[in-house]
Amino acid sequence: MVNRCICSNITFSEVKKIADKENFQTVDELRINEVCCRNCELCRPYVEEMLKTGETSFSPQDLSNREYVGRDKI
């Protein structure tokens, strides 16, 4: 299961608590405030989905149709 930002060593549950508390609504707000998605950004599609749905744990296949992997568009 995918449940964390590896680079920032923080779970999506922790990210969600911070996002809710600080009223962050975008990945960029989390990144700028150094919460997550600061380096490789492989977690970015999962964090986007977390912000949209509130889910904090994903199977890698859940978002396999997303168009971003890290910072590069495929």
Protein backbone atom coordinates (compact mmCIF):
# COMPACT_ATOMS: atom_id res chain seq x y z
CA MET A 1 0.00 0.00 0.00
CA VAL A 2 1.07 3.57 -0.67
CA ASN A 3 0.47 5.61 2.47
CA ARG A 4 3.30 8.10 2.81
CA CYS A 5 5.64 10.62 1.26
CA ILE A 6 8.98 8.83 1.45
CA CYS A 7 11.16 11.92 0.92
CA SER A 8 9.49 13.85 3.74
CA ASN A 9 8.97 10.72 5.88
CA ILE A 10 5.34 11.58 6.62
CA THR A 11 2.19 9.49 6.28
CA PHE A 12 -0.76 10.70 4.26
CA SER A 13 -2.80 10.55 7.47
CA GLU A 14 -0.41 13.08 9.02
CA VAL A 15 -0.49 15.17 5.84
CA LYS A 16 -4.30 15.16 5.92
CA LYS A 17 -4.35 16.35 9.54
CA ILE A 18 -2.02 19.23 8.68
CA ALA A 19 -3.97 20.09 5.52
CA ASP A 20 -7.22 20.14 7.47
CA LYS A 21 -5.77 22.20 10.33
CA GLU A 22 -4.08 24.75 8.04
CA ASN A 23 -6.87 24.68 5.42
CA PHE A 24 -4.43 23.67 2.66
CA GLN A 25 -6.33 22.61 -0.43
CA THR A 26 -3.59 21.99 -2.99
CA VAL A 27 -0.40 19.99 -3.28
CA ASP A 28 1.47 23.22 -3.96
CA GLU A 29 0.36 24.66 -0.61
CA LEU A 30 1.65 21.52 1.12
CA ARG A 31 4.90 21.62 -0.86
CA ILE A 32 5.54 25.34 -0.27
CA ASN A 33 4.97 24.85 3.46
CA GLU A 34 7.40 21.89 3.42
CA VAL A 35 4.85 19.26 4.44
CA CYS A 36 5.35 16.83 1.52
CA CYS A 37 5.97 16.54 -2.25
CA ARG A 38 9.23 18.47 -2.00
CA ASN A 39 11.65 16.19 -3.82
CA CYS A 40 10.81 13.35 -6.21
CA GLU A 41 7.05 14.06 -6.18
CA LEU A 42 6.16 10.41 -6.75
CA CYS A 43 3.55 10.85 -4.03
CA ARG A 44 1.94 13.83 -5.76
CA PRO A 45 -0.94 11.95 -7.47
CA TYR A 46 -1.72 10.18 -4.19
CA VAL A 47 -1.70 13.45 -2.23
CA GLU A 48 -3.95 15.01 -4.88
CA GLU A 49 -6.36 12.09 -4.47
CA MET A 50 -6.14 12.36 -0.67
CA LEU A 51 -7.07 16.04 -0.83
CA LYS A 52 -9.98 15.23 -3.13
CA THR A 53 -11.38 12.15 -1.35
CA GLY A 54 -9.94 12.08 2.16
CA GLU A 55 -8.46 8.63 1.59
CA THR A 56 -4.98 8.14 3.05
CA SER A 57 -3.94 4.71 1.80
CA PHE A 58 -3.83 3.52 -1.80
CA SER A 59 -2.88 0.48 -3.80
CA PRO A 60 -0.35 1.45 -6.49
CA GLN A 61 -2.89 0.45 -9.13
CA ASP A 62 -5.48 2.92 -7.76
CA LEU A 63 -3.91 5.80 -9.64
CA SER A 64 -2.16 3.94 -12.44
CA ASN A 65 -4.05 5.95 -15.08
CA ARG A 66 -2.73 9.30 -13.80
CA GLU A 67 -0.67 11.29 -16.29
CA TYR A 68 2.12 12.34 -13.92
CA VAL A 69 4.96 10.35 -12.51
CA GLY A 70 7.11 12.55 -10.35
CA ARG A 71 7.63 15.86 -12.11
CA ASP A 72 7.53 14.49 -15.64
CA LYS A 73 4.44 14.23 -17.76
CA ILE A 74 4.15 10.95 -19.62
